[in-house]
Amino acid sequence: MNIQQLEYIVAVDNHRHFIQAAEHCNVTQPTLSMMIRKLEEELSVKIFDRTKQPIVPTSVGREIIDQARVILRETSRINEIAKHFNGDLSGELHVGVIPTIAPYLLPHFVNPFISNFPEIKLHVSEMITDRIITELKMGNLDVGIIASVSEENSLQEIPLYKERFYAYVSEKTDLYSKQYILPTDIEPNELWLLEEGHCFRTQIQRLCELSRSSQFGSSFSYRSGSIETLIRMVERNGGITILPEMAVMELSEERQKHIRHFRFPEPAREVCLVVNREQMKARLIDALREGITAHLPEEILNKDVEVKVL
């Protein structure tokens, strides 16, 4: 038994496909299959049920793979101890970012981070919160950037910043004539929301006290994963949508005319890093946190009034 074989069975479990797992491990599929069969022969058990598609672990295989993940984490920890002793800030950092944060946050810090830490290879993927949590638990991500509280005891959250919510309203609505609005002023049938699965949608539902069964428009249903699309829908079709602060900062002067503040205390969300409590890349994650906070707009960092985090 060796570390490489453990990496292979974890890869197959992640991908549920031998060819994709081999590509991930940068080996040929016959090599990967042969190494896994040798491990199965040594242990006298079948780790995978190859009769099913996609491939799934056997019951004993599930236990072996779970233990393999523990061993691989601890092996990585040895490397991190050595890097820490040598003052080495290098390696790969796999980051998942939710779509309502990525387009507004990444441009602020990515280039400075790459310049300051040239030995850290940053891999960033957009994905919704639930998938980030899953990928963290599976070990496919080192860190997530989310805007909701995780209920997973195995995960740790590191606060980054808070950002207010603003209303983006059409001139066709009654809200356009108001300077400040209340959540109760919002008519559900005029509200454009992101599709299910986005934590930002859940936060807006909470803000406006909307239930999952609320009807948003009787003759038209629209699912969007893009804040920019929601803005355009308001501009072309009327109604209202809710935007996070960093999205508002990107708006043109003309679009700023559609922005309305909520009354005190203003609703907000807290953006944080989320990591596995047993993660082995603490120094790289610290560098990421410092890189992000060092290049945030001053308006985001300096909250001089109380906000209500949803």
C-alpha atoms as a PDB file:
ATOM      1  CA  MET A   1       0.000   0.000   0.000  1.00  0.00           C
ATOM      2  CA  ASN A   2       1.280   3.486  -0.830  1.00  0.00           C
ATOM      3  CA  ILE A   3       0.154   7.101  -0.851  1.00  0.00           C
ATOM      4  CA  GLN A   4      -0.280   7.083  -4.618  1.00  0.00           C
ATOM      5  CA  GLN A   5      -2.829   4.267  -4.451  1.00  0.00           C
ATOM      6  CA  LEU A   6      -4.783   6.177  -1.817  1.00  0.00           C
ATOM      7  CA  GLU A   7      -4.796   9.253  -4.056  1.00  0.00           C
ATOM      8  CA  TYR A   8      -6.153   7.123  -6.899  1.00  0.00           C
ATOM      9  CA  ILE A   9      -9.072   5.640  -4.963  1.00  0.00           C
ATOM     10  CA  VAL A  10     -10.040   9.096  -3.645  1.00  0.00           C
ATOM     11  CA  ALA A  11      -9.925  10.463  -7.211  1.00  0.00           C
ATOM     12  CA  VAL A  12     -12.190   7.673  -8.472  1.00  0.00           C
ATOM     13  CA  ASP A  13     -14.592   8.328  -5.613  1.00  0.00           C
ATOM     14  CA  ASN A  14     -14.657  12.031  -6.489  1.00  0.00           C
ATOM     15  CA  HIS A  15     -15.156  11.556 -10.222  1.00  0.00           C
ATOM     16  CA  ARG A  16     -17.023   8.201 -10.180  1.00  0.00           C
ATOM     17  CA  HIS A  17     -15.238   7.477 -13.469  1.00  0.00           C
ATOM     18  CA  PHE A  18     -11.865   5.804 -14.029  1.00  0.00           C
ATOM     19  CA  ILE A  19     -10.867   7.831 -17.104  1.00  0.00           C
ATOM     20  CA  GLN A  20     -11.706  11.183 -15.492  1.00  0.00           C
ATOM     21  CA  ALA A  21      -9.909  10.150 -12.301  1.00  0.00           C
ATOM     22  CA  ALA A  22      -6.829   9.164 -14.319  1.00  0.00           C
ATOM     23  CA  GLU A  23      -6.842  12.523 -16.109  1.00  0.00           C
ATOM     24  CA  HIS A  24      -7.079  14.289 -12.749  1.00  0.00           C
ATOM     25  CA  CYS A  25      -4.095  12.290 -11.445  1.00  0.00           C
ATOM     26  CA  ASN A  26      -2.106  12.795 -14.676  1.00  0.00           C
ATOM     27  CA  VAL A  27      -1.717   9.077 -15.324  1.00  0.00           C
ATOM     28  CA  THR A  28      -3.129   6.702 -17.907  1.00  0.00           C
ATOM     29  CA  GLN A  29      -6.363   4.912 -17.137  1.00  0.00           C
ATOM     30  CA  PRO A  30      -4.747   1.433 -17.322  1.00  0.00           C
ATOM     31  CA  THR A  31      -2.073   2.532 -14.808  1.00  0.00           C
ATOM     32  CA  LEU A  32      -4.656   3.866 -12.377  1.00  0.00           C
ATOM     33  CA  SER A  33      -6.849   0.768 -12.718  1.00  0.00           C
ATOM     34  CA  MET A  34      -3.875  -1.558 -12.221  1.00  0.00           C
ATOM     35  CA  MET A  35      -2.745   0.250  -9.054  1.00  0.00           C
ATOM     36  CA  ILE A  36      -6.245   0.121  -7.579  1.00  0.00           C
ATOM     37  CA  ARG A  37      -6.569  -3.597  -8.373  1.00  0.00           C
ATOM     38  CA  LYS A  38      -3.228  -4.242  -6.650  1.00  0.00           C
ATOM     39  CA  LEU A  39      -4.521  -2.453  -3.561  1.00  0.00           C
ATOM     40  CA  GLU A  40      -7.746  -4.481  -3.638  1.00  0.00           C
ATOM     41  CA  GLU A  41      -5.729  -7.714  -3.950  1.00  0.00           C
ATOM     42  CA  GLU A  42      -3.507  -6.709  -1.039  1.00  0.00           C
ATOM     43  CA  LEU A  43      -6.530  -5.957   1.162  1.00  0.00           C
ATOM     44  CA  SER A  44      -8.589  -8.906  -0.185  1.00  0.00           C
ATOM     45  CA  VAL A  45     -11.629  -6.657  -0.706  1.00  0.00           C
ATOM     46  CA  LYS A  46     -13.348  -4.883  -3.589  1.00  0.00           C
ATOM     47  CA  ILE A  47     -13.192  -1.114  -3.097  1.00  0.00           C
ATOM     48  CA  PHE A  48     -15.409  -0.242  -6.090  1.00  0.00           C
ATOM     49  CA  ASP A  49     -18.477  -1.859  -7.623  1.00  0.00           C
ATOM     50  CA  ARG A  50     -17.524  -1.738 -11.310  1.00  0.00           C
ATOM     51  CA  THR A  51     -20.869  -3.199 -12.447  1.00  0.00           C
ATOM     52  CA  LYS A  52     -22.639   0.095 -11.781  1.00  0.00           C
ATOM     53  CA  GLN A  53     -22.488   3.323 -13.752  1.00  0.00           C
ATOM     54  CA  PRO A  54     -21.367   5.666 -12.456  1.00  0.00           C
ATOM     55  CA  ILE A  55     -18.940   3.581 -10.424  1.00  0.00           C
ATOM     56  CA  VAL A  56     -19.691   3.539  -6.684  1.00  0.00           C
ATOM     57  CA  PRO A  57     -17.708   2.287  -3.674  1.00  0.00           C
ATOM     58  CA  THR A  58     -18.681  -0.940  -1.985  1.00  0.00           C
ATOM     59  CA  SER A  59     -19.681  -0.704   1.671  1.00  0.00           C
ATOM     60  CA  VAL A  60     -16.170  -1.621   2.848  1.00  0.00           C
ATOM     61  CA  GLY A  61     -14.736   0.542   0.080  1.00  0.00           C
ATOM     62  CA  ARG A  62     -16.567   3.542   1.504  1.00  0.00           C
ATOM     63  CA  GLU A  63     -14.811   3.055   4.845  1.00  0.00           C
ATOM     64  CA  ILE A  64     -11.421   2.576   3.187  1.00  0.00           C
ATOM     65  CA  ILE A  65     -11.816   5.722   1.075  1.00  0.00           C
ATOM     66  CA  ASP A  66     -12.858   7.784   4.089  1.00  0.00           C
ATOM     67  CA  GLN A  67      -9.754   6.608   5.939  1.00  0.00           C
ATOM     68  CA  ALA A  68      -7.636   7.326   2.852  1.00  0.00           C
ATOM     69  CA  ARG A  69      -8.816  10.941   2.943  1.00  0.00           C
ATOM     70  CA  VAL A  70      -7.686  11.214   6.570  1.00  0.00           C
ATOM     71  CA  ILE A  71      -4.269   9.771   5.711  1.00  0.00           C
ATOM     72  CA  LEU A  72      -3.825  12.096   2.726  1.00  0.00           C
ATOM     73  CA  ARG A  73      -4.743  15.125   4.853  1.00  0.00           C
ATOM     74  CA  GLU A  74      -2.190  14.131   7.475  1.00  0.00           C
ATOM     75  CA  THR A  75       0.452  13.528   4.796  1.00  0.00           C
ATOM     76  CA  SER A  76      -0.154  17.005   3.446  1.00  0.00           C
ATOM     77  CA  ARG A  77       0.162  18.359   6.960  1.00  0.00           C
ATOM     78  CA  ILE A  78       3.741  17.035   7.095  1.00  0.00           C
ATOM     79  CA  ASN A  79       4.567  19.011   3.954  1.00  0.00           C
ATOM     80  CA  GLU A  80       2.981  22.127   5.422  1.00  0.00           C
ATOM     81  CA  ILE A  81       4.995  21.772   8.644  1.00  0.00           C
ATOM     82  CA  ALA A  82       8.188  21.646   6.614  1.00  0.00           C
ATOM     83  CA  LYS A  83       7.147  24.635   4.481  1.00  0.00           C
ATOM     84  CA  HIS A  84       6.269  26.636   7.567  1.00  0.00           C
ATOM     85  CA  PHE A  85       9.665  25.860   9.134  1.00  0.00           C
ATOM     86  CA  ASN A  86      11.439  26.967   5.953  1.00  0.00           C
ATOM     87  CA  GLY A  87       9.314  30.116   5.580  1.00  0.00           C
ATOM     88  CA  ASP A  88       8.064  28.780   2.256  1.00  0.00           C
ATOM     89  CA  LEU A  89       4.923  30.383   0.804  1.00  0.00           C
ATOM     90  CA  SER A  90       4.361  28.213  -2.239  1.00  0.00           C
ATOM     91  CA  GLY A  91       1.931  25.651  -3.541  1.00  0.00           C
ATOM     92  CA  GLU A  92      -1.544  25.453  -5.004  1.00  0.00           C
ATOM     93  CA  LEU A  93      -4.661  27.002  -3.489  1.00  0.00           C
ATOM     94  CA  HIS A  94      -8.038  25.860  -4.796  1.00  0.00           C
ATOM     95  CA  VAL A  95     -10.713  28.463  -4.095  1.00  0.00           C
ATOM     96  CA  GLY A  96     -14.488  28.344  -4.617  1.00  0.00           C
ATOM     97  CA  VAL A  97     -16.367  31.660  -4.817  1.00  0.00           C
ATOM     98  CA  ILE A  98     -20.120  32.203  -5.006  1.00  0.00           C
ATOM     99  CA  PRO A  99     -21.317  33.985  -8.200  1.00  0.00           C
ATOM    100  CA  THR A 100     -22.717  37.042  -6.380  1.00  0.00           C
ATOM    101  CA  ILE A 101     -19.243  37.791  -4.977  1.00  0.00           C
ATOM    102  CA  ALA A 102     -16.806  36.645  -7.666  1.00  0.00           C
ATOM    103  CA  PRO A 103     -17.233  39.353 -10.366  1.00  0.00           C
ATOM    104  CA  TYR A 104     -16.998  42.189  -7.846  1.00  0.00           C
ATOM    105  CA  LEU A 105     -14.323  40.926  -5.440  1.00  0.00           C
ATOM    106  CA  LEU A 106     -11.832  39.087  -7.680  1.00  0.00           C
ATOM    107  CA  PRO A 107     -10.780  42.106  -9.803  1.00  0.00           C
ATOM    108  CA  HIS A 108      -9.734  43.955  -6.630  1.00  0.00           C
ATOM    109  CA  PHE A 109      -7.176  41.477  -5.348  1.00  0.00           C
ATOM    110  CA  VAL A 110      -6.191  38.824  -7.912  1.00  0.00           C
ATOM    111  CA  ASN A 111      -3.425  40.729  -9.724  1.00  0.00           C
ATOM    112  CA  PRO A 112      -1.849  42.157  -6.529  1.00  0.00           C
ATOM    113  CA  PHE A 113      -2.010  38.697  -4.949  1.00  0.00           C
ATOM    114  CA  ILE A 114      -0.270  37.080  -7.910  1.00  0.00           C
ATOM    115  CA  SER A 115       2.414  39.784  -7.826  1.00  0.00           C
ATOM    116  CA  ASN A 116       2.983  39.508  -4.072  1.00  0.00           C
ATOM    117  CA  PHE A 117       2.881  35.699  -3.935  1.00  0.00           C
ATOM    118  CA  PRO A 118       4.256  34.452  -7.278  1.00  0.00           C
ATOM    119  CA  GLU A 119       4.929  30.977  -5.860  1.00  0.00           C
ATOM    120  CA  ILE A 120       1.256  30.410  -4.969  1.00  0.00           C
ATOM    121  CA  LYS A 121      -0.786  29.042  -7.844  1.00  0.00           C
ATOM    122  CA  LEU A 122      -4.381  30.207  -7.442  1.00  0.00           C
ATOM    123  CA  HIS A 123      -7.199  28.077  -8.892  1.00  0.00           C
ATOM    124  CA  VAL A 124     -10.563  29.856  -8.625  1.00  0.00           C
ATOM    125  CA  SER A 125     -13.980  28.419  -9.539  1.00  0.00           C
ATOM    126  CA  GLU A 126     -17.451  29.927  -9.282  1.00  0.00           C
ATOM    127  CA  MET A 127     -20.006  27.696  -7.581  1.00  0.00           C
ATOM    128  CA  ILE A 128     -23.003  28.038  -5.306  1.00  0.00           C
ATOM    129  CA  THR A 129     -22.602  27.715  -1.542  1.00  0.00           C
ATOM    130  CA  ASP A 130     -23.865  24.130  -1.203  1.00  0.00           C
ATOM    131  CA  ARG A 131     -21.360  22.890  -3.760  1.00  0.00           C
ATOM    132  CA  ILE A 132     -18.515  24.819  -2.086  1.00  0.00           C
ATOM    133  CA  ILE A 133     -19.357  23.096   1.205  1.00  0.00           C
ATOM    134  CA  THR A 134     -19.435  19.696  -0.496  1.00  0.00           C
ATOM    135  CA  GLU A 135     -16.140  20.255  -2.322  1.00  0.00           C
ATOM    136  CA  LEU A 136     -14.464  21.437   0.890  1.00  0.00           C
ATOM    137  CA  LYS A 137     -15.571  18.314   2.748  1.00  0.00           C
ATOM    138  CA  MET A 138     -14.338  16.127  -0.115  1.00  0.00           C
ATOM    139  CA  GLY A 139     -10.979  17.899  -0.123  1.00  0.00           C
ATOM    140  CA  ASN A 140     -11.313  19.249  -3.663  1.00  0.00           C
ATOM    141  CA  LEU A 141     -11.249  22.851  -2.403  1.00  0.00           C
ATOM    142  CA  ASP A 142      -8.895  24.420   0.119  1.00  0.00           C
ATOM    143  CA  VAL A 143     -11.062  27.449   0.860  1.00  0.00           C
ATOM    144  CA  GLY A 144     -14.422  28.929  -0.070  1.00  0.00           C
ATOM    145  CA  ILE A 145     -15.589  32.542  -0.186  1.00  0.00           C
ATOM    146  CA  ILE A 146     -19.247  32.634   0.836  1.00  0.00           C
ATOM    147  CA  ALA A 147     -21.798  34.974   2.388  1.00  0.00           C
ATOM    148  CA  SER A 148     -23.800  32.731   4.668  1.00  0.00           C
ATOM    149  CA  VAL A 149     -23.270  30.875   7.912  1.00  0.00           C
ATOM    150  CA  SER A 150     -22.273  27.256   7.518  1.00  0.00           C
ATOM    151  CA  GLU A 151     -23.827  24.780   9.919  1.00  0.00           C
ATOM    152  CA  GLU A 152     -21.092  22.235   9.291  1.00  0.00           C
ATOM    153  CA  ASN A 153     -19.102  21.569  12.465  1.00  0.00           C
ATOM    154  CA  SER A 154     -16.153  20.400  10.375  1.00  0.00           C
ATOM    155  CA  LEU A 155     -15.801  23.842   8.788  1.00  0.00           C
ATOM    156  CA  GLN A 156     -14.433  27.095  10.165  1.00  0.00           C
ATOM    157  CA  GLU A 157     -15.393  30.599   9.036  1.00  0.00           C
ATOM    158  CA  ILE A 158     -12.980  33.537   8.857  1.00  0.00           C
ATOM    159  CA  PRO A 159     -14.794  36.911   8.495  1.00  0.00           C
ATOM    160  CA  LEU A 160     -13.599  39.218   5.709  1.00  0.00           C
ATOM    161  CA  TYR A 161     -16.025  42.133   5.404  1.00  0.00           C
ATOM    162  CA  LYS A 162     -19.658  43.213   5.501  1.00  0.00           C
ATOM    163  CA  GLU A 163     -21.525  44.775   2.619  1.00  0.00           C
ATOM    164  CA  ARG A 164     -24.890  46.518   2.611  1.00  0.00           C
ATOM    165  CA  PHE A 165     -27.880  45.658   0.449  1.00  0.00           C
ATOM    166  CA  TYR A 166     -29.455  48.255  -1.824  1.00  0.00           C
ATOM    167  CA  ALA A 167     -32.649  48.307  -3.845  1.00  0.00           C
ATOM    168  CA  TYR A 168     -32.429  48.794  -7.609  1.00  0.00           C
ATOM    169  CA  VAL A 169     -35.828  50.140  -8.669  1.00  0.00           C
ATOM    170  CA  SER A 170     -37.521  50.950 -11.933  1.00  0.00           C
ATOM    171  CA  GLU A 171     -38.856  54.453 -12.505  1.00  0.00           C
ATOM    172  CA  LYS A 172     -42.198  52.730 -13.143  1.00  0.00           C
ATOM    173  CA  THR A 173     -42.554  51.755  -9.469  1.00  0.00           C
ATOM    174  CA  ASP A 174     -43.773  53.823  -6.528  1.00  0.00           C
ATOM    175  CA  LEU A 175     -40.445  53.214  -4.782  1.00  0.00           C
ATOM    176  CA  TYR A 176     -38.582  55.319  -7.351  1.00  0.00           C
ATOM    177  CA  SER A 177     -39.900  58.524  -5.747  1.00  0.00           C
ATOM    178  CA  LYS A 178     -38.626  57.517  -2.287  1.00  0.00           C
ATOM    179  CA  GLN A 179     -35.177  58.285  -0.891  1.00  0.00           C
ATOM    180  CA  TYR A 180     -35.239  55.463   1.685  1.00  0.00           C
ATOM    181  CA  ILE A 181     -37.335  52.318   1.682  1.00  0.00           C
ATOM    182  CA  LEU A 182     -38.385  49.574   4.088  1.00  0.00           C
ATOM    183  CA  PRO A 183     -38.428  45.860   3.246  1.00  0.00           C
ATOM    184  CA  THR A 184     -42.204  45.971   3.759  1.00  0.00           C
ATOM    185  CA  ASP A 185     -42.458  48.535   0.934  1.00  0.00           C
ATOM    186  CA  ILE A 186     -41.426  45.868  -1.597  1.00  0.00           C
ATOM    187  CA  GLU A 187     -44.216  44.205  -3.551  1.00  0.00           C
ATOM    188  CA  PRO A 188     -43.302  40.497  -4.033  1.00  0.00           C
ATOM    189  CA  ASN A 189     -44.744  40.402  -7.536  1.00  0.00           C
ATOM    190  CA  GLU A 190     -42.386  43.208  -8.576  1.00  0.00           C
ATOM    191  CA  LEU A 191     -39.249  41.589  -7.142  1.00  0.00           C
ATOM    192  CA  TRP A 192     -36.696  39.913  -9.426  1.00  0.00           C
ATOM    193  CA  LEU A 193     -34.652  37.218  -7.650  1.00  0.00           C
ATOM    194  CA  LEU A 194     -31.821  34.862  -8.421  1.00  0.00           C
ATOM    195  CA  GLU A 195     -32.708  31.217  -9.002  1.00  0.00           C
ATOM    196  CA  GLU A 196     -32.997  28.705  -6.165  1.00  0.00           C
ATOM    197  CA  GLY A 197     -29.708  27.553  -4.693  1.00  0.00           C
ATOM    198  CA  HIS A 198     -28.113  30.979  -4.327  1.00  0.00           C
ATOM    199  CA  CYS A 199     -27.665  32.062  -0.710  1.00  0.00           C
ATOM    200  CA  PHE A 200     -28.215  35.664  -1.852  1.00  0.00           C
ATOM    201  CA  ARG A 201     -31.767  34.720  -2.877  1.00  0.00           C
ATOM    202  CA  THR A 202     -32.375  33.170   0.548  1.00  0.00           C
ATOM    203  CA  GLN A 203     -31.102  36.317   2.276  1.00  0.00           C
ATOM    204  CA  ILE A 204     -33.445  38.515   0.209  1.00  0.00           C
ATOM    205  CA  GLN A 205     -36.371  36.238   0.989  1.00  0.00           C
ATOM    206  CA  ARG A 206     -35.488  36.602   4.662  1.00  0.00           C
ATOM    207  CA  LEU A 207     -35.166  40.382   4.322  1.00  0.00           C
ATOM    208  CA  CYS A 208     -38.551  40.740   2.664  1.00  0.00           C
ATOM    209  CA  GLU A 209     -40.143  38.014   4.795  1.00  0.00           C
ATOM    210  CA  LEU A 210     -41.041  36.014   1.715  1.00  0.00           C
ATOM    211  CA  SER A 211     -41.845  32.325   1.910  1.00  0.00           C
ATOM    212  CA  ARG A 212     -40.591  29.816  -0.639  1.00  0.00           C
ATOM    213  CA  SER A 213     -44.157  29.508  -1.892  1.00  0.00           C
ATOM    214  CA  SER A 214     -44.542  33.224  -2.638  1.00  0.00           C
ATOM    215  CA  GLN A 215     -45.698  33.846  -6.171  1.00  0.00           C
ATOM    216  CA  PHE A 216     -43.459  36.175  -8.132  1.00  0.00           C
ATOM    217  CA  GLY A 217     -45.598  37.191 -11.073  1.00  0.00           C
ATOM    218  CA  SER A 218     -48.640  35.222 -12.175  1.00  0.00           C
ATOM    219  CA  SER A 219     -47.896  34.924 -15.892  1.00  0.00           C
ATOM    220  CA  PHE A 220     -44.111  34.850 -16.135  1.00  0.00           C
ATOM    221  CA  SER A 221     -41.439  32.871 -14.297  1.00  0.00           C
ATOM    222  CA  TYR A 222     -37.755  33.611 -14.787  1.00  0.00           C
ATOM    223  CA  ARG A 223     -34.693  31.934 -13.267  1.00  0.00           C
ATOM    224  CA  SER A 224     -31.416  33.844 -13.343  1.00  0.00           C
ATOM    225  CA  GLY A 225     -27.971  33.178 -11.935  1.00  0.00           C
ATOM    226  CA  SER A 226     -26.706  36.658 -12.822  1.00  0.00           C
ATOM    227  CA  ILE A 227     -27.127  39.947 -10.964  1.00  0.00           C
ATOM    228  CA  GLU A 228     -26.442  41.841 -14.194  1.00  0.00           C
ATOM    229  CA  THR A 229     -29.374  40.073 -15.845  1.00  0.00           C
ATOM    230  CA  LEU A 230     -31.669  41.063 -12.962  1.00  0.00           C
ATOM    231  CA  ILE A 231     -30.604  44.698 -13.369  1.00  0.00           C
ATOM    232  CA  ARG A 232     -31.483  44.560 -17.065  1.00  0.00           C
ATOM    233  CA  MET A 233     -34.846  42.976 -16.323  1.00  0.00           C
ATOM    234  CA  VAL A 234     -35.688  45.876 -13.995  1.00  0.00           C
ATOM    235  CA  GLU A 235     -34.605  48.401 -16.631  1.00  0.00           C
ATOM    236  CA  ARG A 236     -36.552  46.792 -19.470  1.00  0.00           C
ATOM    237  CA  ASN A 237     -39.570  45.339 -17.676  1.00  0.00           C
ATOM    238  CA  GLY A 238     -39.956  47.346 -14.472  1.00  0.00           C
ATOM    239  CA  GLY A 239     -39.969  46.104 -10.906  1.00  0.00           C
ATOM    240  CA  ILE A 240     -37.170  45.902  -8.368  1.00  0.00           C
ATOM    241  CA  THR A 241     -34.158  43.799  -7.457  1.00  0.00           C
ATOM    242  CA  ILE A 242     -31.713  43.822  -4.534  1.00  0.00           C
ATOM    243  CA  LEU A 243     -27.971  44.348  -5.033  1.00  0.00           C
ATOM    244  CA  PRO A 244     -24.946  43.842  -2.766  1.00  0.00           C
ATOM    245  CA  GLU A 245     -22.780  46.893  -2.096  1.00  0.00           C
ATOM    246  CA  MET A 246     -19.799  45.934  -4.246  1.00  0.00           C
ATOM    247  CA  ALA A 247     -22.112  45.412  -7.219  1.00  0.00           C
ATOM    248  CA  VAL A 248     -23.556  48.892  -6.661  1.00  0.00           C
ATOM    249  CA  MET A 249     -20.054  50.376  -6.698  1.00  0.00           C
ATOM    250  CA  GLU A 250     -19.620  49.071 -10.246  1.00  0.00           C
ATOM    251  CA  LEU A 251     -22.738  50.799 -11.610  1.00  0.00           C
ATOM    252  CA  SER A 252     -22.549  53.694 -14.047  1.00  0.00           C
ATOM    253  CA  GLU A 253     -23.701  57.159 -13.015  1.00  0.00           C
ATOM    254  CA  GLU A 254     -26.917  56.655 -14.966  1.00  0.00           C
ATOM    255  CA  ARG A 255     -27.682  53.383 -13.211  1.00  0.00           C
ATOM    256  CA  GLN A 256     -26.898  54.893  -9.800  1.00  0.00           C
ATOM    257  CA  LYS A 257     -30.100  56.931 -10.194  1.00  0.00           C
ATOM    258  CA  HIS A 258     -32.059  53.701  -9.658  1.00  0.00           C
ATOM    259  CA  ILE A 259     -30.393  52.902  -6.317  1.00  0.00           C
ATOM    260  CA  ARG A 260     -32.398  53.349  -3.116  1.00  0.00           C
ATOM    261  CA  HIS A 261     -31.099  52.905   0.441  1.00  0.00           C
ATOM    262  CA  PHE A 262     -32.891  50.886   3.088  1.00  0.00           C
ATOM    263  CA  ARG A 263     -33.735  52.636   6.332  1.00  0.00           C
ATOM    264  CA  PHE A 264     -31.554  52.108   9.401  1.00  0.00           C
ATOM    265  CA  PRO A 265     -30.407  49.551  10.346  1.00  0.00           C
ATOM    266  CA  GLU A 266     -29.428  48.757   6.787  1.00  0.00           C
ATOM    267  CA  PRO A 267     -29.556  45.080   5.806  1.00  0.00           C
ATOM    268  CA  ALA A 268     -26.195  43.525   4.961  1.00  0.00           C
ATOM    269  CA  ARG A 269     -24.374  40.261   4.472  1.00  0.00           C
ATOM    270  CA  GLU A 270     -21.058  39.125   5.927  1.00  0.00           C
ATOM    271  CA  VAL A 271     -18.560  37.691   3.473  1.00  0.00           C
ATOM    272  CA  CYS A 272     -16.132  35.167   4.898  1.00  0.00           C
ATOM    273  CA  LEU A 273     -13.591  32.529   4.067  1.00  0.00           C
ATOM    274  CA  VAL A 274     -14.697  29.018   4.964  1.00  0.00           C
ATOM    275  CA  VAL A 275     -12.132  26.254   5.434  1.00  0.00           C
ATOM    276  CA  ASN A 276     -11.971  22.694   6.646  1.00  0.00           C
ATOM    277  CA  ARG A 277     -10.945  22.691  10.310  1.00  0.00           C
ATOM    278  CA  GLU A 278      -8.368  20.064   9.414  1.00  0.00           C
ATOM    279  CA  GLN A 279      -6.964  21.982   6.446  1.00  0.00           C
ATOM    280  CA  MET A 280      -3.203  21.932   5.955  1.00  0.00           C
ATOM    281  CA  LYS A 281      -2.610  25.196   4.134  1.00  0.00           C
ATOM    282  CA  ALA A 282      -3.014  27.701   6.953  1.00  0.00           C
ATOM    283  CA  ARG A 283      -0.179  29.969   5.775  1.00  0.00           C
ATOM    284  CA  LEU A 284      -1.498  30.102   2.206  1.00  0.00           C
ATOM    285  CA  ILE A 285      -5.011  30.822   3.452  1.00  0.00           C
ATOM    286  CA  ASP A 286      -3.682  33.571   5.733  1.00  0.00           C
ATOM    287  CA  ALA A 287      -1.946  35.073   2.704  1.00  0.00           C
ATOM    288  CA  LEU A 288      -5.232  34.952   0.787  1.00  0.00           C
ATOM    289  CA  ARG A 289      -7.117  36.652   3.625  1.00  0.00           C
ATOM    290  CA  GLU A 290      -4.498  39.386   3.896  1.00  0.00           C
ATOM    291  CA  GLY A 291      -4.429  39.796   0.122  1.00  0.00           C
ATOM    292  CA  ILE A 292      -8.193  40.291  -0.006  1.00  0.00           C
ATOM    293  CA  THR A 293      -8.554  42.696   2.919  1.00  0.00           C
ATOM    294  CA  ALA A 294      -5.558  44.787   1.804  1.00  0.00           C
ATOM    295  CA  HIS A 295      -7.225  45.643  -1.496  1.00  0.00           C
ATOM    296  CA  LEU A 296     -10.867  46.120  -0.555  1.00  0.00           C
ATOM    297  CA  PRO A 297     -12.453  49.546  -1.215  1.00  0.00           C
ATOM    298  CA  GLU A 298     -12.369  51.814   1.850  1.00  0.00           C
ATOM    299  CA  GLU A 299     -16.171  52.087   1.827  1.00  0.00           C
ATOM    300  CA  ILE A 300     -16.377  48.333   2.402  1.00  0.00           C
ATOM    301  CA  LEU A 301     -13.789  48.148   5.162  1.00  0.00           C
ATOM    302  CA  ASN A 302     -14.887  51.226   7.101  1.00  0.00           C
ATOM    303  CA  LYS A 303     -18.449  50.587   8.242  1.00  0.00           C
ATOM    304  CA  ASP A 304     -19.202  53.678  10.368  1.00  0.00           C
ATOM    305  CA  VAL A 305     -22.850  52.734  11.005  1.00  0.00           C
ATOM    306  CA  GLU A 306     -24.519  49.638  12.363  1.00  0.00           C
ATOM    307  CA  VAL A 307     -25.850  47.167   9.837  1.00  0.00           C
ATOM    308  CA  LYS A 308     -28.206  44.221  10.199  1.00  0.00           C
ATOM    309  CA  VAL A 309     -26.522  41.058   8.946  1.00  0.00           C
ATOM    310  CA  LEU A 310     -29.011  38.629   7.399  1.00  0.00           C
END
